[in-house]
């Protein structure tokens, strides 16, 4: 992982050729992105689950698990933007198949500056803008503070969650660091500052929001952290 930038968007670079990977990382960081790297399909999927990147640059020809298999696995659980990197020798049938799940694809050898522009274009299209401070994506959830709403995105389907004001505030607050464990007292201060809420009040709001998430197929979120409080996104 590399230093955060003004942009703060995290790009997972999945490429088994170290020279290509390092060049991509260098240009991405110069353009203001954070980066993470994976050299095979297994590591790529593990980092996808652990880091929730904003976009994935995914090579097709890789050891252990190729990019198309990784693409299929990710699309079963997330609509994270994915740009495929493919050699000129790839058959047209395989490239066409990518359109079922990939947001874009780039043929090798490529111009690195063009890759950066394509990354920005896909992020603008999928997130509204590269620097959209109002929209946060966590797994299948889009938390839009400007609309005061949480959307569940699964492929082309997008549903709004019927949350109360407090339930939305809890999810929005925790989305700033979705894998961090938040204490009940912190959540009370942040989301119920005007009342004298008890900790069991937070428990009730979290329980109701979790049930609504599970109803639309988002399972494992709003985990209870024993002795501490809650985290929004599961660690695994």
C-alpha atoms as a PDB file:
ATOM      1  CA  UNK A   1       0.000   0.000   0.000  1.00  0.00           C
ATOM      2  CA  UNK A   2       1.238   3.495  -0.738  1.00  0.00           C
ATOM      3  CA  UNK A   3       0.726   6.963   0.670  1.00  0.00           C
ATOM      4  CA  UNK A   4      -2.679   8.538   0.527  1.00  0.00           C
ATOM      5  CA  UNK A   5      -3.206  11.367  -1.932  1.00  0.00           C
ATOM      6  CA  UNK A   6      -5.702  14.161  -2.443  1.00  0.00           C
ATOM      7  CA  UNK A   7      -7.631  11.806  -4.643  1.00  0.00           C
ATOM      8  CA  UNK A   8      -7.757   8.995  -2.087  1.00  0.00           C
ATOM      9  CA  UNK A   9      -9.114   6.464  -4.610  1.00  0.00           C
ATOM     10  CA  UNK A  10      -7.493   3.049  -4.172  1.00  0.00           C
ATOM     11  CA  UNK A  11      -6.511   1.169  -7.342  1.00  0.00           C
ATOM     12  CA  UNK A  12      -5.669  -2.542  -7.125  1.00  0.00           C
ATOM     13  CA  UNK A  13      -3.136  -3.396  -9.854  1.00  0.00           C
ATOM     14  CA  UNK A  14      -3.255  -7.112 -10.712  1.00  0.00           C
ATOM     15  CA  UNK A  15      -0.341  -7.969 -13.014  1.00  0.00           C
ATOM     16  CA  UNK A  16       2.155 -10.850 -12.857  1.00  0.00           C
ATOM     17  CA  UNK A  17       4.918  -9.045 -14.768  1.00  0.00           C
ATOM     18  CA  UNK A  18       6.766  -6.936 -12.153  1.00  0.00           C
ATOM     19  CA  UNK A  19       8.031  -4.324 -14.624  1.00  0.00           C
ATOM     20  CA  UNK A  20       4.564  -3.619 -16.003  1.00  0.00           C
ATOM     21  CA  UNK A  21       3.081  -3.543 -12.504  1.00  0.00           C
ATOM     22  CA  UNK A  22       5.691  -1.069 -11.226  1.00  0.00           C
ATOM     23  CA  UNK A  23       5.226   1.223 -14.229  1.00  0.00           C
ATOM     24  CA  UNK A  24       1.450   1.267 -13.711  1.00  0.00           C
ATOM     25  CA  UNK A  25       1.841   1.934  -9.987  1.00  0.00           C
ATOM     26  CA  UNK A  26       4.318   4.748 -10.627  1.00  0.00           C
ATOM     27  CA  UNK A  27       1.997   6.518 -13.085  1.00  0.00           C
ATOM     28  CA  UNK A  28      -1.088   5.967 -10.929  1.00  0.00           C
ATOM     29  CA  UNK A  29       0.588   7.473  -7.875  1.00  0.00           C
ATOM     30  CA  UNK A  30       1.875  10.408  -9.916  1.00  0.00           C
ATOM     31  CA  UNK A  31      -1.758  10.976 -10.945  1.00  0.00           C
ATOM     32  CA  UNK A  32      -2.821  11.080  -7.292  1.00  0.00           C
ATOM     33  CA  UNK A  33      -4.110   7.561  -6.610  1.00  0.00           C
ATOM     34  CA  UNK A  34      -3.330   5.125  -3.819  1.00  0.00           C
ATOM     35  CA  UNK A  35      -2.312   1.668  -5.010  1.00  0.00           C
ATOM     36  CA  UNK A  36      -2.044  -1.964  -3.993  1.00  0.00           C
ATOM     37  CA  UNK A  37      -0.498  -4.772  -6.042  1.00  0.00           C
ATOM     38  CA  UNK A  38      -1.175  -8.468  -6.668  1.00  0.00           C
ATOM     39  CA  UNK A  39       0.851 -10.830  -8.857  1.00  0.00           C
ATOM     40  CA  UNK A  40      -1.654 -13.675  -9.179  1.00  0.00           C
ATOM     41  CA  UNK A  41      -5.389 -14.297  -9.172  1.00  0.00           C
ATOM     42  CA  UNK A  42      -5.591 -15.738  -5.657  1.00  0.00           C
ATOM     43  CA  UNK A  43      -3.832 -12.768  -4.069  1.00  0.00           C
ATOM     44  CA  UNK A  44      -5.944 -10.424  -6.183  1.00  0.00           C
ATOM     45  CA  UNK A  45      -9.209 -11.819  -4.841  1.00  0.00           C
ATOM     46  CA  UNK A  46      -7.907 -11.806  -1.261  1.00  0.00           C
ATOM     47  CA  UNK A  47      -6.865  -8.146  -1.524  1.00  0.00           C
ATOM     48  CA  UNK A  48     -10.187  -7.252  -3.147  1.00  0.00           C
ATOM     49  CA  UNK A  49     -12.011  -8.659  -0.089  1.00  0.00           C
ATOM     50  CA  UNK A  50      -9.614  -7.057   2.383  1.00  0.00           C
ATOM     51  CA  UNK A  51      -9.175  -3.601   0.867  1.00  0.00           C
ATOM     52  CA  UNK A  52     -12.397  -2.818  -1.047  1.00  0.00           C
ATOM     53  CA  UNK A  53     -10.527  -0.962  -3.819  1.00  0.00           C
ATOM     54  CA  UNK A  54     -12.252   1.776  -5.808  1.00  0.00           C
ATOM     55  CA  UNK A  55     -11.119   0.204  -9.091  1.00  0.00           C
ATOM     56  CA  UNK A  56      -9.195  -2.882 -10.236  1.00  0.00           C
ATOM     57  CA  UNK A  57      -6.777  -3.107 -13.167  1.00  0.00           C
ATOM     58  CA  UNK A  58      -6.931  -6.835 -13.866  1.00  0.00           C
ATOM     59  CA  UNK A  59      -4.627  -8.775 -16.187  1.00  0.00           C
ATOM     60  CA  UNK A  60      -6.091 -11.852 -17.899  1.00  0.00           C
ATOM     61  CA  UNK A  61      -3.090 -14.172 -18.170  1.00  0.00           C
ATOM     62  CA  UNK A  62      -1.952 -14.877 -14.599  1.00  0.00           C
ATOM     63  CA  UNK A  63      -0.742 -17.765 -12.451  1.00  0.00           C
ATOM     64  CA  UNK A  64      -3.085 -19.812 -10.194  1.00  0.00           C
ATOM     65  CA  UNK A  65      -6.309 -18.139 -11.338  1.00  0.00           C
ATOM     66  CA  UNK A  66      -6.718 -16.115 -14.513  1.00  0.00           C
ATOM     67  CA  UNK A  67      -8.321 -12.707 -14.681  1.00  0.00           C
ATOM     68  CA  UNK A  68     -11.606 -13.898 -16.135  1.00  0.00           C
ATOM     69  CA  UNK A  69     -12.141 -16.262 -13.197  1.00  0.00           C
ATOM     70  CA  UNK A  70     -11.299 -13.434 -10.774  1.00  0.00           C
ATOM     71  CA  UNK A  71     -13.719 -11.156 -12.645  1.00  0.00           C
ATOM     72  CA  UNK A  72     -16.526 -13.707 -12.359  1.00  0.00           C
ATOM     73  CA  UNK A  73     -15.863 -14.231  -8.638  1.00  0.00           C
ATOM     74  CA  UNK A  74     -15.852 -10.502  -7.912  1.00  0.00           C
ATOM     75  CA  UNK A  75     -19.014  -9.894  -9.928  1.00  0.00           C
ATOM     76  CA  UNK A  76     -20.864 -12.435  -7.780  1.00  0.00           C
ATOM     77  CA  UNK A  77     -20.447 -10.151  -4.768  1.00  0.00           C
ATOM     78  CA  UNK A  78     -19.596  -6.645  -5.969  1.00  0.00           C
ATOM     79  CA  UNK A  79     -19.894  -4.081  -8.758  1.00  0.00           C
ATOM     80  CA  UNK A  80     -16.413  -2.655  -8.107  1.00  0.00           C
ATOM     81  CA  UNK A  81     -15.203  -1.073 -11.383  1.00  0.00           C
ATOM     82  CA  UNK A  82     -12.826  -3.405 -13.268  1.00  0.00           C
ATOM     83  CA  UNK A  83     -10.645  -2.667 -16.296  1.00  0.00           C
ATOM     84  CA  UNK A  84      -9.178  -5.768 -17.943  1.00  0.00           C
ATOM     85  CA  UNK A  85      -5.637  -5.774 -19.350  1.00  0.00           C
ATOM     86  CA  UNK A  86      -5.350  -8.150 -22.294  1.00  0.00           C
ATOM     87  CA  UNK A  87      -2.644  -9.064 -24.829  1.00  0.00           C
ATOM     88  CA  UNK A  88      -3.194  -8.590 -28.546  1.00  0.00           C
ATOM     89  CA  UNK A  89      -3.248 -12.380 -28.959  1.00  0.00           C
ATOM     90  CA  UNK A  90      -6.443 -12.771 -26.908  1.00  0.00           C
ATOM     91  CA  UNK A  91      -9.281 -14.038 -29.081  1.00  0.00           C
ATOM     92  CA  UNK A  92     -12.179 -11.755 -29.812  1.00  0.00           C
ATOM     93  CA  UNK A  93     -14.601 -14.179 -28.140  1.00  0.00           C
ATOM     94  CA  UNK A  94     -12.809 -13.774 -24.820  1.00  0.00           C
ATOM     95  CA  UNK A  95     -12.737  -9.995 -25.139  1.00  0.00           C
ATOM     96  CA  UNK A  96     -16.451  -9.947 -25.972  1.00  0.00           C
ATOM     97  CA  UNK A  97     -17.175 -12.059 -22.913  1.00  0.00           C
ATOM     98  CA  UNK A  98     -15.543  -9.430 -20.730  1.00  0.00           C
ATOM     99  CA  UNK A  99     -18.307  -7.015 -21.596  1.00  0.00           C
ATOM    100  CA  UNK A 100     -20.629  -9.080 -19.447  1.00  0.00           C
ATOM    101  CA  UNK A 101     -18.761  -8.022 -16.328  1.00  0.00           C
ATOM    102  CA  UNK A 102     -15.846  -5.681 -17.000  1.00  0.00           C
ATOM    103  CA  UNK A 103     -16.288  -1.912 -17.212  1.00  0.00           C
ATOM    104  CA  UNK A 104     -13.568  -1.550 -19.839  1.00  0.00           C
ATOM    105  CA  UNK A 105     -10.589  -3.374 -21.333  1.00  0.00           C
ATOM    106  CA  UNK A 106      -7.209  -2.225 -22.605  1.00  0.00           C
ATOM    107  CA  UNK A 107      -5.052  -4.045 -25.141  1.00  0.00           C
ATOM    108  CA  UNK A 108      -1.342  -4.608 -24.525  1.00  0.00           C
ATOM    109  CA  UNK A 109       1.055  -3.071 -25.283  1.00  0.00           C
ATOM    110  CA  UNK A 110      -0.586   0.071 -23.951  1.00  0.00           C
ATOM    111  CA  UNK A 111       0.258   3.728 -23.456  1.00  0.00           C
ATOM    112  CA  UNK A 112       0.465   4.199 -19.682  1.00  0.00           C
ATOM    113  CA  UNK A 113      -0.942   7.732 -19.816  1.00  0.00           C
ATOM    114  CA  UNK A 114      -3.936   6.379 -21.710  1.00  0.00           C
ATOM    115  CA  UNK A 115      -4.450   3.784 -18.965  1.00  0.00           C
ATOM    116  CA  UNK A 116      -4.587   6.596 -16.389  1.00  0.00           C
ATOM    117  CA  UNK A 117      -7.173   8.483 -18.440  1.00  0.00           C
ATOM    118  CA  UNK A 118      -9.269   5.330 -18.831  1.00  0.00           C
ATOM    119  CA  UNK A 119      -9.097   4.770 -15.049  1.00  0.00           C
ATOM    120  CA  UNK A 120     -10.322   8.318 -14.438  1.00  0.00           C
ATOM    121  CA  UNK A 121     -13.083   7.924 -17.023  1.00  0.00           C
ATOM    122  CA  UNK A 122     -14.392   4.707 -15.473  1.00  0.00           C
ATOM    123  CA  UNK A 123     -14.294   6.223 -11.982  1.00  0.00           C
ATOM    124  CA  UNK A 124     -16.183   9.292 -13.198  1.00  0.00           C
ATOM    125  CA  UNK A 125     -18.787   7.064 -14.815  1.00  0.00           C
ATOM    126  CA  UNK A 126     -19.208   4.710 -11.863  1.00  0.00           C
ATOM    127  CA  UNK A 127     -18.777   7.076  -8.927  1.00  0.00           C
ATOM    128  CA  UNK A 128     -20.017  10.358 -10.334  1.00  0.00           C
ATOM    129  CA  UNK A 129     -16.539  11.878 -10.191  1.00  0.00           C
ATOM    130  CA  UNK A 130     -13.074  10.857  -9.116  1.00  0.00           C
ATOM    131  CA  UNK A 131     -13.152  13.312  -6.213  1.00  0.00           C
ATOM    132  CA  UNK A 132     -16.793  12.913  -5.212  1.00  0.00           C
ATOM    133  CA  UNK A 133     -16.633  13.612  -1.479  1.00  0.00           C
ATOM    134  CA  UNK A 134     -20.324  12.826  -1.053  1.00  0.00           C
ATOM    135  CA  UNK A 135     -20.285   9.231  -2.348  1.00  0.00           C
ATOM    136  CA  UNK A 136     -18.543   6.383  -0.561  1.00  0.00           C
ATOM    137  CA  UNK A 137     -18.583   2.815  -1.875  1.00  0.00           C
ATOM    138  CA  UNK A 138     -18.268  -0.037   0.626  1.00  0.00           C
ATOM    139  CA  UNK A 139     -18.746  -3.468  -0.922  1.00  0.00           C
ATOM    140  CA  UNK A 140     -22.217  -3.489  -2.495  1.00  0.00           C
ATOM    141  CA  UNK A 141     -23.191  -0.263  -0.712  1.00  0.00           C
ATOM    142  CA  UNK A 142     -23.093   3.259  -2.131  1.00  0.00           C
ATOM    143  CA  UNK A 143     -23.442   5.737   0.743  1.00  0.00           C
ATOM    144  CA  UNK A 144     -24.512   9.077  -0.740  1.00  0.00           C
ATOM    145  CA  UNK A 145     -24.433  11.821   1.891  1.00  0.00           C
ATOM    146  CA  UNK A 146     -25.740  14.451  -0.543  1.00  0.00           C
ATOM    147  CA  UNK A 147     -28.885  12.371  -1.082  1.00  0.00           C
ATOM    148  CA  UNK A 148     -28.887  11.161   2.531  1.00  0.00           C
ATOM    149  CA  UNK A 149     -29.378   7.634   1.182  1.00  0.00           C
ATOM    150  CA  UNK A 150     -27.723   4.226   0.996  1.00  0.00           C
ATOM    151  CA  UNK A 151     -28.023   2.263  -2.239  1.00  0.00           C
ATOM    152  CA  UNK A 152     -27.405  -1.455  -2.704  1.00  0.00           C
ATOM    153  CA  UNK A 153     -25.702  -2.058  -6.066  1.00  0.00           C
ATOM    154  CA  UNK A 154     -25.661  -5.567  -7.494  1.00  0.00           C
ATOM    155  CA  UNK A 155     -24.671  -5.627 -11.146  1.00  0.00           C
ATOM    156  CA  UNK A 156     -27.049  -3.299 -12.978  1.00  0.00           C
ATOM    157  CA  UNK A 157     -29.586  -3.382 -10.140  1.00  0.00           C
ATOM    158  CA  UNK A 158     -29.575  -0.499  -7.677  1.00  0.00           C
ATOM    159  CA  UNK A 159     -31.975  -0.367  -4.728  1.00  0.00           C
ATOM    160  CA  UNK A 160     -32.371   2.251  -2.050  1.00  0.00           C
ATOM    161  CA  UNK A 161     -32.409   1.036   1.547  1.00  0.00           C
ATOM    162  CA  UNK A 162     -35.395   2.277   3.587  1.00  0.00           C
ATOM    163  CA  UNK A 163     -33.321   3.626   6.488  1.00  0.00           C
ATOM    164  CA  UNK A 164     -34.293   5.977   9.281  1.00  0.00           C
ATOM    165  CA  UNK A 165     -32.270   9.146   9.829  1.00  0.00           C
ATOM    166  CA  UNK A 166     -30.273   7.545  12.654  1.00  0.00           C
ATOM    167  CA  UNK A 167     -29.656   4.301  10.740  1.00  0.00           C
ATOM    168  CA  UNK A 168     -28.297   6.278   7.794  1.00  0.00           C
ATOM    169  CA  UNK A 169     -26.121   8.382  10.104  1.00  0.00           C
ATOM    170  CA  UNK A 170     -24.614   5.262  11.661  1.00  0.00           C
ATOM    171  CA  UNK A 171     -23.735   3.680   8.309  1.00  0.00           C
ATOM    172  CA  UNK A 172     -22.433   6.970   6.870  1.00  0.00           C
ATOM    173  CA  UNK A 173     -20.242   7.622   9.932  1.00  0.00           C
ATOM    174  CA  UNK A 174     -18.767   4.111   9.912  1.00  0.00           C
ATOM    175  CA  UNK A 175     -18.150   4.171   6.151  1.00  0.00           C
ATOM    176  CA  UNK A 176     -15.216   6.550   6.711  1.00  0.00           C
ATOM    177  CA  UNK A 177     -13.262   3.514   7.977  1.00  0.00           C
ATOM    178  CA  UNK A 178     -15.536   0.540   7.274  1.00  0.00           C
ATOM    179  CA  UNK A 179     -13.291  -2.132   8.845  1.00  0.00           C
ATOM    180  CA  UNK A 180     -12.549  -0.183  11.993  1.00  0.00           C
ATOM    181  CA  UNK A 181     -14.299  -1.147  15.242  1.00  0.00           C
ATOM    182  CA  UNK A 182     -16.377   1.782  16.550  1.00  0.00           C
ATOM    183  CA  UNK A 183     -17.334   2.007  20.207  1.00  0.00           C
ATOM    184  CA  UNK A 184     -20.959   2.497  21.178  1.00  0.00           C
ATOM    185  CA  UNK A 185     -20.139   5.751  22.971  1.00  0.00           C
ATOM    186  CA  UNK A 186     -18.450   7.146  19.854  1.00  0.00           C
ATOM    187  CA  UNK A 187     -21.463   6.231  17.720  1.00  0.00           C
ATOM    188  CA  UNK A 188     -23.780   7.906  20.218  1.00  0.00           C
ATOM    189  CA  UNK A 189     -21.699  11.116  20.137  1.00  0.00           C
ATOM    190  CA  UNK A 190     -21.524  11.133  16.336  1.00  0.00           C
ATOM    191  CA  UNK A 191     -25.051  10.037  15.445  1.00  0.00           C
ATOM    192  CA  UNK A 192     -27.257  10.925  18.408  1.00  0.00           C
ATOM    193  CA  UNK A 193     -25.545  14.050  19.787  1.00  0.00           C
ATOM    194  CA  UNK A 194     -28.687  15.878  20.881  1.00  0.00           C
ATOM    195  CA  UNK A 195     -30.156  13.176  23.054  1.00  0.00           C
ATOM    196  CA  UNK A 196     -29.131  11.286  26.141  1.00  0.00           C
ATOM    197  CA  UNK A 197     -29.108   7.953  24.362  1.00  0.00           C
ATOM    198  CA  UNK A 198     -28.146   4.767  26.132  1.00  0.00           C
ATOM    199  CA  UNK A 199     -25.851   2.194  24.582  1.00  0.00           C
ATOM    200  CA  UNK A 200     -28.771  -0.185  24.104  1.00  0.00           C
ATOM    201  CA  UNK A 201     -30.381   2.493  21.914  1.00  0.00           C
ATOM    202  CA  UNK A 202     -27.452   2.195  19.500  1.00  0.00           C
ATOM    203  CA  UNK A 203     -27.794  -1.599  19.663  1.00  0.00           C
ATOM    204  CA  UNK A 204     -31.400  -1.289  18.565  1.00  0.00           C
ATOM    205  CA  UNK A 205     -30.628   1.040  15.649  1.00  0.00           C
ATOM    206  CA  UNK A 206     -27.758  -1.185  14.473  1.00  0.00           C
ATOM    207  CA  UNK A 207     -29.930  -4.291  14.739  1.00  0.00           C
ATOM    208  CA  UNK A 208     -32.684  -2.695  12.647  1.00  0.00           C
ATOM    209  CA  UNK A 209     -30.233  -1.485   9.984  1.00  0.00           C
ATOM    210  CA  UNK A 210     -28.547  -4.900   9.844  1.00  0.00           C
ATOM    211  CA  UNK A 211     -31.905  -6.596   9.321  1.00  0.00           C
ATOM    212  CA  UNK A 212     -32.705  -4.250   6.437  1.00  0.00           C
ATOM    213  CA  UNK A 213     -29.335  -5.003   4.836  1.00  0.00           C
ATOM    214  CA  UNK A 214     -29.854  -8.747   5.159  1.00  0.00           C
ATOM    215  CA  UNK A 215     -33.318  -8.452   3.614  1.00  0.00           C
ATOM    216  CA  UNK A 216     -31.711  -7.220   0.366  1.00  0.00           C
ATOM    217  CA  UNK A 217     -28.927  -9.819   0.474  1.00  0.00           C
ATOM    218  CA  UNK A 218     -26.129  -7.817   2.118  1.00  0.00           C
ATOM    219  CA  UNK A 219     -24.936 -10.197   4.833  1.00  0.00           C
ATOM    220  CA  UNK A 220     -22.150  -9.846   7.372  1.00  0.00           C
ATOM    221  CA  UNK A 221     -22.271  -6.047   7.600  1.00  0.00           C
ATOM    222  CA  UNK A 222     -22.635  -4.137  10.885  1.00  0.00           C
ATOM    223  CA  UNK A 223     -20.711  -6.823  12.747  1.00  0.00           C
ATOM    224  CA  UNK A 224     -20.706  -6.878  16.523  1.00  0.00           C
ATOM    225  CA  UNK A 225     -17.173  -6.537  17.931  1.00  0.00           C
ATOM    226  CA  UNK A 226     -17.266  -8.117  21.346  1.00  0.00           C
ATOM    227  CA  UNK A 227     -16.257  -5.753  24.123  1.00  0.00           C
ATOM    228  CA  UNK A 228     -15.969  -2.776  21.753  1.00  0.00           C
ATOM    229  CA  UNK A 229     -18.989  -2.040  19.566  1.00  0.00           C
ATOM    230  CA  UNK A 230     -19.491  -2.460  15.813  1.00  0.00           C
ATOM    231  CA  UNK A 231     -17.745  -2.403  12.464  1.00  0.00           C
ATOM    232  CA  UNK A 232     -19.516  -1.740   9.178  1.00  0.00           C
ATOM    233  CA  UNK A 233     -17.737  -4.143   6.817  1.00  0.00           C
ATOM    234  CA  UNK A 234     -16.700  -7.719   7.639  1.00  0.00           C
ATOM    235  CA  UNK A 235     -12.956  -8.395   7.792  1.00  0.00           C
ATOM    236  CA  UNK A 236     -13.262 -11.453   5.523  1.00  0.00           C
END
